[in-house]
Amino acid sequence: MNNMKLFYRKNCIGAIVLISIFLIITILSSSAKAEKPDDIVLNLSFDEPVITEWNVSNITYHNVTMNNTYSSYYKLYPILPVKYLRVLLPQNGTLNSINITYSDNTSLGTGYNVSHGTNKSEQQKNESNYNISNPYPENYFNNSRVDNFRGYAILSFELHPVFYIADSGEIFYYKNMTATITTVENESVNKFFRGLDKDEKAMQQIVDDYSMNYTYDSYPDYPGDTPLVSNEDGSYDFLIITIEKFVDAKPQGVPRTGDWISFQDLMDCEIGGLRPL
């Protein structure tokens, strides 16, 4: 009986050890597959495109449209739906890469003659501009760039959910696409960042994703450690806009006869009611 208890106890301990090892491996594997904290992942779904016909000189052409997209227009290239995206980047992040994955590739059939970006009387398939045997566009996204809006770094790019093979006339699209945006850390803080609520609200109105908003917690180093905004409500008591060489301008022996001598005199008057001597 004692031997059986000992055998049972050893088996239980062994099972617990195996379960623990399995859990550790599972957790480590999950961590390895997870995106980095500063990665931005956009999951997008698209409706089926709408195809309409129009005719010129007894030739039928097809227009392709899709909900929540706009139509690209490049001369002598097919006009197809494009999803324009704006994404807030981390405050201390520089764009590293944009990776597009997709699923549910759906063909709408062949034999289409998609309209091209030119005059209606000049519609044509122009092999010199793109390879009519390959899907157009050639990339899943293009025209990426980073702009700054009130100190916020905003990435914009065009995503292509619809493709066209001119040689066969096939149109196909992706029902689901995922854009993964990676960044690398830097030490810079945009000099125009003020941390104001009104700036944040304005930024949110022009971007599709502002999940990195929480990273904007640092302020630039202003000259003389003077904040750009002095009041809690974001207002200015008095603002002077000038060129750099006049910022620290000093009186140069001009008698104080009631004329403005320096910017400090002007500020003292406007803010404190003092008049220059």
C-alpha atoms as a PDB file:
ATOM      1  CA  MET A   1       0.000   0.000   0.000  1.00  0.00           C
ATOM      2  CA  ASN A   2       2.808   2.424   0.919  1.00  0.00           C
ATOM      3  CA  ASN A   3       4.514   1.700  -2.401  1.00  0.00           C
ATOM      4  CA  MET A   4       1.304   2.531  -4.249  1.00  0.00           C
ATOM      5  CA  LYS A   5       0.994   5.861  -2.366  1.00  0.00           C
ATOM      6  CA  LEU A   6       4.605   6.691  -3.155  1.00  0.00           C
ATOM      7  CA  PHE A   7       4.075   5.807  -6.813  1.00  0.00           C
ATOM      8  CA  TYR A   8       0.898   7.942  -6.948  1.00  0.00           C
ATOM      9  CA  ARG A   9       2.661  10.868  -5.272  1.00  0.00           C
ATOM     10  CA  LYS A  10       5.567  10.715  -7.724  1.00  0.00           C
ATOM     11  CA  ASN A  11       3.173  10.612 -10.675  1.00  0.00           C
ATOM     12  CA  CYS A  12       1.268  13.653  -9.359  1.00  0.00           C
ATOM     13  CA  ILE A  13       4.490  15.609  -8.910  1.00  0.00           C
ATOM     14  CA  GLY A  14       5.609  14.632 -12.402  1.00  0.00           C
ATOM     15  CA  ALA A  15       2.289  15.708 -13.885  1.00  0.00           C
ATOM     16  CA  ILE A  16       2.449  19.074 -12.103  1.00  0.00           C
ATOM     17  CA  VAL A  17       5.980  19.655 -13.414  1.00  0.00           C
ATOM     18  CA  LEU A  18       4.937  18.813 -16.978  1.00  0.00           C
ATOM     19  CA  ILE A  19       1.904  21.100 -16.794  1.00  0.00           C
ATOM     20  CA  SER A  20       4.043  23.938 -15.435  1.00  0.00           C
ATOM     21  CA  ILE A  21       6.586  23.531 -18.253  1.00  0.00           C
ATOM     22  CA  PHE A  22       3.775  23.501 -20.822  1.00  0.00           C
ATOM     23  CA  LEU A  23       2.268  26.702 -19.421  1.00  0.00           C
ATOM     24  CA  ILE A  24       5.644  28.469 -19.428  1.00  0.00           C
ATOM     25  CA  ILE A  25       6.279  27.480 -23.057  1.00  0.00           C
ATOM     26  CA  THR A  26       2.769  28.622 -24.040  1.00  0.00           C
ATOM     27  CA  ILE A  27       3.218  32.015 -22.370  1.00  0.00           C
ATOM     28  CA  LEU A  28       6.628  32.544 -23.971  1.00  0.00           C
ATOM     29  CA  SER A  29       5.278  31.581 -27.394  1.00  0.00           C
ATOM     30  CA  SER A  30       2.367  33.989 -27.040  1.00  0.00           C
ATOM     31  CA  SER A  31       4.691  36.779 -26.010  1.00  0.00           C
ATOM     32  CA  ALA A  32       6.930  36.151 -28.996  1.00  0.00           C
ATOM     33  CA  LYS A  33       3.990  36.402 -31.397  1.00  0.00           C
ATOM     34  CA  ALA A  34       2.538  39.582 -29.885  1.00  0.00           C
ATOM     35  CA  GLU A  35       3.247  42.906 -31.513  1.00  0.00           C
ATOM     36  CA  LYS A  36       5.576  45.383 -29.884  1.00  0.00           C
ATOM     37  CA  PRO A  37       3.810  47.952 -27.682  1.00  0.00           C
ATOM     38  CA  ASP A  38       4.527  50.729 -30.194  1.00  0.00           C
ATOM     39  CA  ASP A  39       3.275  48.763 -33.200  1.00  0.00           C
ATOM     40  CA  ILE A  40       0.029  50.079 -34.685  1.00  0.00           C
ATOM     41  CA  VAL A  41      -2.333  47.474 -36.149  1.00  0.00           C
ATOM     42  CA  LEU A  42      -5.282  48.495 -38.312  1.00  0.00           C
ATOM     43  CA  ASN A  43      -7.844  45.825 -39.185  1.00  0.00           C
ATOM     44  CA  LEU A  44      -9.954  46.884 -42.160  1.00  0.00           C
ATOM     45  CA  SER A  45     -12.886  45.253 -43.922  1.00  0.00           C
ATOM     46  CA  PHE A  46     -14.257  46.204 -47.336  1.00  0.00           C
ATOM     47  CA  ASP A  47     -17.617  45.860 -49.053  1.00  0.00           C
ATOM     48  CA  GLU A  48     -17.920  44.299 -52.483  1.00  0.00           C
ATOM     49  CA  PRO A  49     -17.159  46.850 -55.226  1.00  0.00           C
ATOM     50  CA  VAL A  50     -19.965  48.215 -57.391  1.00  0.00           C
ATOM     51  CA  ILE A  51     -19.368  47.996 -61.151  1.00  0.00           C
ATOM     52  CA  THR A  52     -21.251  50.220 -63.590  1.00  0.00           C
ATOM     53  CA  GLU A  53     -21.014  50.532 -67.382  1.00  0.00           C
ATOM     54  CA  TRP A  54     -20.720  53.458 -69.735  1.00  0.00           C
ATOM     55  CA  ASN A  55     -20.184  53.596 -73.501  1.00  0.00           C
ATOM     56  CA  VAL A  56     -18.317  55.800 -75.941  1.00  0.00           C
ATOM     57  CA  SER A  57     -17.847  55.146 -79.664  1.00  0.00           C
ATOM     58  CA  ASN A  58     -19.568  51.743 -79.259  1.00  0.00           C
ATOM     59  CA  ILE A  59     -16.985  50.640 -76.681  1.00  0.00           C
ATOM     60  CA  THR A  60     -18.088  49.617 -73.175  1.00  0.00           C
ATOM     61  CA  TYR A  61     -16.082  50.729 -70.149  1.00  0.00           C
ATOM     62  CA  HIS A  62     -16.530  49.878 -66.487  1.00  0.00           C
ATOM     63  CA  ASN A  63     -16.362  52.108 -63.448  1.00  0.00           C
ATOM     64  CA  VAL A  64     -15.410  50.472 -60.140  1.00  0.00           C
ATOM     65  CA  THR A  65     -16.487  52.081 -56.857  1.00  0.00           C
ATOM     66  CA  MET A  66     -16.528  50.936 -53.238  1.00  0.00           C
ATOM     67  CA  ASN A  67     -18.071  52.263 -50.029  1.00  0.00           C
ATOM     68  CA  ASN A  68     -15.838  54.418 -47.803  1.00  0.00           C
ATOM     69  CA  THR A  69     -13.142  54.832 -50.443  1.00  0.00           C
ATOM     70  CA  TYR A  70     -12.320  57.336 -53.144  1.00  0.00           C
ATOM     71  CA  SER A  71     -11.323  56.733 -56.764  1.00  0.00           C
ATOM     72  CA  SER A  72      -7.684  57.040 -57.743  1.00  0.00           C
ATOM     73  CA  TYR A  73      -6.984  59.062 -60.856  1.00  0.00           C
ATOM     74  CA  TYR A  74      -3.680  58.777 -62.692  1.00  0.00           C
ATOM     75  CA  LYS A  75      -3.492  59.460 -66.422  1.00  0.00           C
ATOM     76  CA  LEU A  76      -3.505  56.249 -68.492  1.00  0.00           C
ATOM     77  CA  TYR A  77      -3.869  54.066 -65.382  1.00  0.00           C
ATOM     78  CA  PRO A  78      -7.006  52.166 -64.249  1.00  0.00           C
ATOM     79  CA  ILE A  79      -9.315  54.121 -61.949  1.00  0.00           C
ATOM     80  CA  LEU A  80      -9.829  51.959 -58.859  1.00  0.00           C
ATOM     81  CA  PRO A  81     -11.023  52.432 -55.267  1.00  0.00           C
ATOM     82  CA  VAL A  82      -8.398  53.582 -52.771  1.00  0.00           C
ATOM     83  CA  LYS A  83      -8.609  53.791 -48.985  1.00  0.00           C
ATOM     84  CA  TYR A  84      -6.802  56.869 -47.723  1.00  0.00           C
ATOM     85  CA  LEU A  85      -5.573  56.462 -44.145  1.00  0.00           C
ATOM     86  CA  ARG A  86      -4.141  58.855 -41.572  1.00  0.00           C
ATOM     87  CA  VAL A  87      -2.542  57.361 -38.457  1.00  0.00           C
ATOM     88  CA  LEU A  88      -1.028  59.030 -35.408  1.00  0.00           C
ATOM     89  CA  LEU A  89       2.545  57.878 -34.772  1.00  0.00           C
ATOM     90  CA  PRO A  90       4.125  57.731 -31.283  1.00  0.00           C
ATOM     91  CA  GLN A  91       5.599  60.989 -30.048  1.00  0.00           C
ATOM     92  CA  ASN A  92       9.138  59.605 -29.888  1.00  0.00           C
ATOM     93  CA  GLY A  93       8.755  57.289 -32.883  1.00  0.00           C
ATOM     94  CA  THR A  94      10.071  57.434 -36.436  1.00  0.00           C
ATOM     95  CA  LEU A  95       8.339  55.382 -39.130  1.00  0.00           C
ATOM     96  CA  ASN A  96      10.167  52.110 -39.761  1.00  0.00           C
ATOM     97  CA  SER A  97       7.840  50.003 -41.943  1.00  0.00           C
ATOM     98  CA  ILE A  98       4.299  49.436 -43.175  1.00  0.00           C
ATOM     99  CA  ASN A  99       3.341  45.786 -43.634  1.00  0.00           C
ATOM    100  CA  ILE A 100       0.084  44.747 -45.323  1.00  0.00           C
ATOM    101  CA  THR A 101      -1.542  41.330 -44.916  1.00  0.00           C
ATOM    102  CA  TYR A 102      -4.858  40.255 -46.383  1.00  0.00           C
ATOM    103  CA  SER A 103      -7.477  37.514 -46.579  1.00  0.00           C
ATOM    104  CA  ASP A 104     -10.600  36.555 -48.531  1.00  0.00           C
ATOM    105  CA  ASN A 105      -9.368  37.292 -52.037  1.00  0.00           C
ATOM    106  CA  THR A 106     -12.592  37.472 -54.073  1.00  0.00           C
ATOM    107  CA  SER A 107     -12.751  37.607 -57.877  1.00  0.00           C
ATOM    108  CA  LEU A 108     -15.600  39.506 -59.540  1.00  0.00           C
ATOM    109  CA  GLY A 109     -14.978  37.800 -62.871  1.00  0.00           C
ATOM    110  CA  THR A 110     -13.165  38.601 -66.109  1.00  0.00           C
ATOM    111  CA  GLY A 111     -13.880  40.559 -69.271  1.00  0.00           C
ATOM    112  CA  TYR A 112     -14.084  43.991 -67.653  1.00  0.00           C
ATOM    113  CA  ASN A 113     -12.693  47.071 -69.372  1.00  0.00           C
ATOM    114  CA  VAL A 114     -11.934  49.405 -66.465  1.00  0.00           C
ATOM    115  CA  SER A 115     -11.924  53.137 -67.139  1.00  0.00           C
ATOM    116  CA  HIS A 116      -8.521  54.806 -67.238  1.00  0.00           C
ATOM    117  CA  GLY A 117      -7.495  58.202 -66.004  1.00  0.00           C
ATOM    118  CA  THR A 118      -7.723  60.248 -69.191  1.00  0.00           C
ATOM    119  CA  ASN A 119     -10.326  61.794 -71.449  1.00  0.00           C
ATOM    120  CA  LYS A 120     -13.279  59.519 -72.181  1.00  0.00           C
ATOM    121  CA  SER A 121     -12.503  59.680 -75.888  1.00  0.00           C
ATOM    122  CA  GLU A 122      -8.956  58.409 -75.232  1.00  0.00           C
ATOM    123  CA  GLN A 123      -9.696  55.332 -73.099  1.00  0.00           C
ATOM    124  CA  GLN A 124      -7.107  52.660 -73.755  1.00  0.00           C
ATOM    125  CA  LYS A 125      -4.973  49.954 -72.203  1.00  0.00           C
ATOM    126  CA  ASN A 126      -1.468  51.330 -72.269  1.00  0.00           C
ATOM    127  CA  GLU A 127       1.139  48.652 -71.718  1.00  0.00           C
ATOM    128  CA  SER A 128       3.917  51.260 -71.608  1.00  0.00           C
ATOM    129  CA  ASN A 129       2.562  52.627 -68.314  1.00  0.00           C
ATOM    130  CA  TYR A 130       1.925  49.327 -66.515  1.00  0.00           C
ATOM    131  CA  ASN A 131       2.139  45.613 -67.192  1.00  0.00           C
ATOM    132  CA  ILE A 132      -1.337  44.610 -68.374  1.00  0.00           C
ATOM    133  CA  SER A 133      -0.602  40.941 -67.606  1.00  0.00           C
ATOM    134  CA  ASN A 134      -0.041  41.602 -63.884  1.00  0.00           C
ATOM    135  CA  PRO A 135      -2.391  42.896 -61.222  1.00  0.00           C
ATOM    136  CA  TYR A 136      -2.590  46.663 -60.959  1.00  0.00           C
ATOM    137  CA  PRO A 137      -1.697  48.383 -58.654  1.00  0.00           C
ATOM    138  CA  GLU A 138       1.662  46.678 -58.191  1.00  0.00           C
ATOM    139  CA  ASN A 139       1.731  47.380 -54.422  1.00  0.00           C
ATOM    140  CA  TYR A 140      -0.796  47.093 -51.626  1.00  0.00           C
ATOM    141  CA  PHE A 141      -0.101  50.670 -50.535  1.00  0.00           C
ATOM    142  CA  ASN A 142       1.730  53.737 -51.795  1.00  0.00           C
ATOM    143  CA  ASN A 143       2.206  57.492 -51.363  1.00  0.00           C
ATOM    144  CA  SER A 144       3.165  57.186 -47.706  1.00  0.00           C
ATOM    145  CA  ARG A 145       4.464  60.253 -45.901  1.00  0.00           C
ATOM    146  CA  VAL A 146       4.653  61.723 -42.415  1.00  0.00           C
ATOM    147  CA  ASP A 147       3.389  65.229 -41.671  1.00  0.00           C
ATOM    148  CA  ASN A 148       3.170  67.207 -38.455  1.00  0.00           C
ATOM    149  CA  PHE A 149      -0.011  68.770 -37.141  1.00  0.00           C
ATOM    150  CA  ARG A 150       0.351  70.961 -34.051  1.00  0.00           C
ATOM    151  CA  GLY A 151       3.240  68.818 -32.872  1.00  0.00           C
ATOM    152  CA  TYR A 152       1.572  65.463 -33.640  1.00  0.00           C
ATOM    153  CA  ALA A 153       3.288  63.144 -36.152  1.00  0.00           C
ATOM    154  CA  ILE A 154       0.700  61.831 -38.616  1.00  0.00           C
ATOM    155  CA  LEU A 155       1.368  59.095 -41.167  1.00  0.00           C
ATOM    156  CA  SER A 156      -0.763  59.092 -44.304  1.00  0.00           C
ATOM    157  CA  PHE A 157      -0.849  56.480 -47.055  1.00  0.00           C
ATOM    158  CA  GLU A 158      -3.110  54.961 -49.700  1.00  0.00           C
ATOM    159  CA  LEU A 159      -4.285  51.366 -49.266  1.00  0.00           C
ATOM    160  CA  HIS A 160      -5.424  49.368 -52.305  1.00  0.00           C
ATOM    161  CA  PRO A 161      -8.190  46.792 -51.699  1.00  0.00           C
ATOM    162  CA  VAL A 162      -9.132  46.356 -55.398  1.00  0.00           C
ATOM    163  CA  PHE A 163      -6.931  45.075 -58.237  1.00  0.00           C
ATOM    164  CA  TYR A 164      -7.329  44.766 -61.996  1.00  0.00           C
ATOM    165  CA  ILE A 165      -5.604  42.609 -64.614  1.00  0.00           C
ATOM    166  CA  ALA A 166      -6.157  44.434 -67.904  1.00  0.00           C
ATOM    167  CA  ASP A 167      -5.082  41.537 -70.133  1.00  0.00           C
ATOM    168  CA  SER A 168      -7.870  39.242 -68.898  1.00  0.00           C
ATOM    169  CA  GLY A 169     -10.178  41.955 -67.642  1.00  0.00           C
ATOM    170  CA  GLU A 170     -10.316  40.381 -64.159  1.00  0.00           C
ATOM    171  CA  ILE A 171     -11.256  42.445 -61.129  1.00  0.00           C
ATOM    172  CA  PHE A 172     -10.643  41.089 -57.638  1.00  0.00           C
ATOM    173  CA  TYR A 173     -10.627  42.546 -54.152  1.00  0.00           C
ATOM    174  CA  TYR A 174      -9.746  41.682 -50.564  1.00  0.00           C
ATOM    175  CA  LYS A 175     -12.535  41.616 -48.001  1.00  0.00           C
ATOM    176  CA  ASN A 176     -10.091  41.993 -45.123  1.00  0.00           C
ATOM    177  CA  MET A 177      -6.727  43.738 -44.905  1.00  0.00           C
ATOM    178  CA  THR A 178      -4.437  44.432 -41.940  1.00  0.00           C
ATOM    179  CA  ALA A 179      -1.880  47.217 -41.871  1.00  0.00           C
ATOM    180  CA  THR A 180       0.890  46.869 -39.281  1.00  0.00           C
ATOM    181  CA  ILE A 181       2.934  50.018 -38.751  1.00  0.00           C
ATOM    182  CA  THR A 182       6.249  49.785 -36.909  1.00  0.00           C
ATOM    183  CA  THR A 183       8.373  52.621 -35.598  1.00  0.00           C
ATOM    184  CA  VAL A 184      11.818  53.101 -34.104  1.00  0.00           C
ATOM    185  CA  GLU A 185      12.402  55.245 -31.051  1.00  0.00           C
ATOM    186  CA  ASN A 186      14.088  58.614 -31.236  1.00  0.00           C
ATOM    187  CA  GLU A 187      14.810  61.335 -28.683  1.00  0.00           C
ATOM    188  CA  SER A 188      13.257  64.303 -30.438  1.00  0.00           C
ATOM    189  CA  VAL A 189      10.075  66.127 -29.429  1.00  0.00           C
ATOM    190  CA  ASN A 190       8.356  68.283 -32.030  1.00  0.00           C
ATOM    191  CA  LYS A 191       8.871  71.938 -31.144  1.00  0.00           C
ATOM    192  CA  PHE A 192       5.256  72.766 -31.965  1.00  0.00           C
ATOM    193  CA  PHE A 193       3.727  70.330 -29.462  1.00  0.00           C
ATOM    194  CA  ARG A 194       1.793  72.273 -26.812  1.00  0.00           C
ATOM    195  CA  GLY A 195      -0.225  69.557 -25.069  1.00  0.00           C
ATOM    196  CA  LEU A 196      -3.475  71.508 -25.374  1.00  0.00           C
ATOM    197  CA  ASP A 197      -6.889  69.830 -25.288  1.00  0.00           C
ATOM    198  CA  LYS A 198      -8.001  71.772 -28.362  1.00  0.00           C
ATOM    199  CA  ASP A 199      -4.956  70.537 -30.301  1.00  0.00           C
ATOM    200  CA  GLU A 200      -5.700  66.956 -29.287  1.00  0.00           C
ATOM    201  CA  LYS A 201      -9.355  67.226 -30.346  1.00  0.00           C
ATOM    202  CA  ALA A 202      -8.399  68.782 -33.673  1.00  0.00           C
ATOM    203  CA  MET A 203      -5.907  65.979 -34.295  1.00  0.00           C
ATOM    204  CA  GLN A 204      -8.484  63.293 -33.525  1.00  0.00           C
ATOM    205  CA  GLN A 205     -10.853  64.759 -36.121  1.00  0.00           C
ATOM    206  CA  ILE A 206      -8.411  64.288 -39.004  1.00  0.00           C
ATOM    207  CA  VAL A 207      -6.929  60.831 -38.275  1.00  0.00           C
ATOM    208  CA  ASP A 208      -8.355  57.319 -38.536  1.00  0.00           C
ATOM    209  CA  ASP A 209      -6.395  55.963 -35.585  1.00  0.00           C
ATOM    210  CA  TYR A 210      -5.001  57.845 -32.577  1.00  0.00           C
ATOM    211  CA  SER A 211      -4.224  54.878 -30.315  1.00  0.00           C
ATOM    212  CA  MET A 212      -0.702  56.297 -29.760  1.00  0.00           C
ATOM    213  CA  ASN A 213      -2.130  59.446 -28.199  1.00  0.00           C
ATOM    214  CA  TYR A 214      -1.007  58.334 -24.723  1.00  0.00           C
ATOM    215  CA  THR A 215       2.664  58.620 -25.757  1.00  0.00           C
ATOM    216  CA  TYR A 216       2.429  62.404 -26.123  1.00  0.00           C
ATOM    217  CA  ASP A 217       3.551  63.330 -22.623  1.00  0.00           C
ATOM    218  CA  SER A 218       6.818  65.193 -23.277  1.00  0.00           C
ATOM    219  CA  TYR A 219       7.327  68.850 -24.090  1.00  0.00           C
ATOM    220  CA  PRO A 220      10.059  70.483 -26.171  1.00  0.00           C
ATOM    221  CA  ASP A 221      12.809  72.509 -24.545  1.00  0.00           C
ATOM    222  CA  TYR A 222      11.864  76.128 -25.018  1.00  0.00           C
ATOM    223  CA  PRO A 223      14.505  78.882 -25.031  1.00  0.00           C
ATOM    224  CA  GLY A 224      15.260  79.988 -21.507  1.00  0.00           C
ATOM    225  CA  ASP A 225      13.015  77.259 -20.112  1.00  0.00           C
ATOM    226  CA  THR A 226      10.018  79.446 -20.956  1.00  0.00           C
ATOM    227  CA  PRO A 227       6.883  77.464 -21.871  1.00  0.00           C
ATOM    228  CA  LEU A 228       5.198  78.286 -25.134  1.00  0.00           C
ATOM    229  CA  VAL A 229       1.856  78.480 -23.344  1.00  0.00           C
ATOM    230  CA  SER A 230       1.879  80.238 -19.999  1.00  0.00           C
ATOM    231  CA  ASN A 231      -1.741  79.940 -18.868  1.00  0.00           C
ATOM    232  CA  GLU A 232      -3.500  76.741 -17.826  1.00  0.00           C
ATOM    233  CA  ASP A 233      -6.346  77.376 -20.275  1.00  0.00           C
ATOM    234  CA  GLY A 234      -3.874  77.573 -23.162  1.00  0.00           C
ATOM    235  CA  SER A 235      -4.222  81.301 -23.705  1.00  0.00           C
ATOM    236  CA  TYR A 236      -1.487  83.909 -24.073  1.00  0.00           C
ATOM    237  CA  ASP A 237      -1.282  87.091 -22.016  1.00  0.00           C
ATOM    238  CA  PHE A 238       0.614  88.748 -24.813  1.00  0.00           C
ATOM    239  CA  LEU A 239       2.310  87.340 -27.890  1.00  0.00           C
ATOM    240  CA  ILE A 240       5.034  88.973 -29.955  1.00  0.00           C
ATOM    241  CA  ILE A 241       6.092  87.390 -33.243  1.00  0.00           C
ATOM    242  CA  THR A 242       9.457  88.542 -34.492  1.00  0.00           C
ATOM    243  CA  ILE A 243      12.673  87.322 -36.066  1.00  0.00           C
ATOM    244  CA  GLU A 244      15.437  85.651 -34.088  1.00  0.00           C
ATOM    245  CA  LYS A 245      17.892  88.564 -33.997  1.00  0.00           C
ATOM    246  CA  PHE A 246      15.303  90.840 -32.340  1.00  0.00           C
ATOM    247  CA  VAL A 247      14.375  88.433 -29.525  1.00  0.00           C
ATOM    248  CA  ASP A 248      17.032  89.734 -27.120  1.00  0.00           C
ATOM    249  CA  ALA A 249      17.225  93.267 -28.516  1.00  0.00           C
ATOM    250  CA  LYS A 250      18.574  95.801 -25.985  1.00  0.00           C
ATOM    251  CA  PRO A 251      18.175  99.585 -25.816  1.00  0.00           C
ATOM    252  CA  GLN A 252      21.053 101.307 -27.579  1.00  0.00           C
ATOM    253  CA  GLY A 253      21.283 104.651 -25.830  1.00  0.00           C
ATOM    254  CA  VAL A 254      18.004 105.986 -27.219  1.00  0.00           C
ATOM    255  CA  PRO A 255      16.479 108.498 -24.792  1.00  0.00           C
ATOM    256  CA  ARG A 256      13.256 107.231 -23.264  1.00  0.00           C
ATOM    257  CA  THR A 257      10.956 109.849 -24.663  1.00  0.00           C
ATOM    258  CA  GLY A 258       7.799 107.783 -24.767  1.00  0.00           C
ATOM    259  CA  ASP A 259       8.754 105.645 -27.797  1.00  0.00           C
ATOM    260  CA  TRP A 260       8.978 101.859 -27.449  1.00  0.00           C
ATOM    261  CA  ILE A 261      12.537 100.951 -26.453  1.00  0.00           C
ATOM    262  CA  SER A 262      12.374  97.169 -26.264  1.00  0.00           C
ATOM    263  CA  PHE A 263       9.933  94.280 -26.480  1.00  0.00           C
ATOM    264  CA  GLN A 264      10.050  94.029 -22.686  1.00  0.00           C
ATOM    265  CA  ASP A 265       8.798  97.621 -22.421  1.00  0.00           C
ATOM    266  CA  LEU A 266       5.936  96.748 -24.762  1.00  0.00           C
ATOM    267  CA  MET A 267       5.020  93.662 -22.726  1.00  0.00           C
ATOM    268  CA  ASP A 268       5.170  95.560 -19.441  1.00  0.00           C
ATOM    269  CA  CYS A 269       2.755  98.100 -20.858  1.00  0.00           C
ATOM    270  CA  GLU A 270       0.296  95.640 -22.359  1.00  0.00           C
ATOM    271  CA  ILE A 271       0.268  93.164 -19.459  1.00  0.00           C
ATOM    272  CA  GLY A 272       0.933  95.325 -16.401  1.00  0.00           C
ATOM    273  CA  GLY A 273      -0.291  98.726 -17.497  1.00  0.00           C
ATOM    274  CA  LEU A 274       3.186 100.251 -17.209  1.00  0.00           C
ATOM    275  CA  ARG A 275       4.279 102.997 -19.549  1.00  0.00           C
ATOM    276  CA  PRO A 276       7.871 103.323 -20.735  1.00  0.00           C
ATOM    277  CA  LEU A 277       9.855 106.157 -19.189  1.00  0.00           C
END
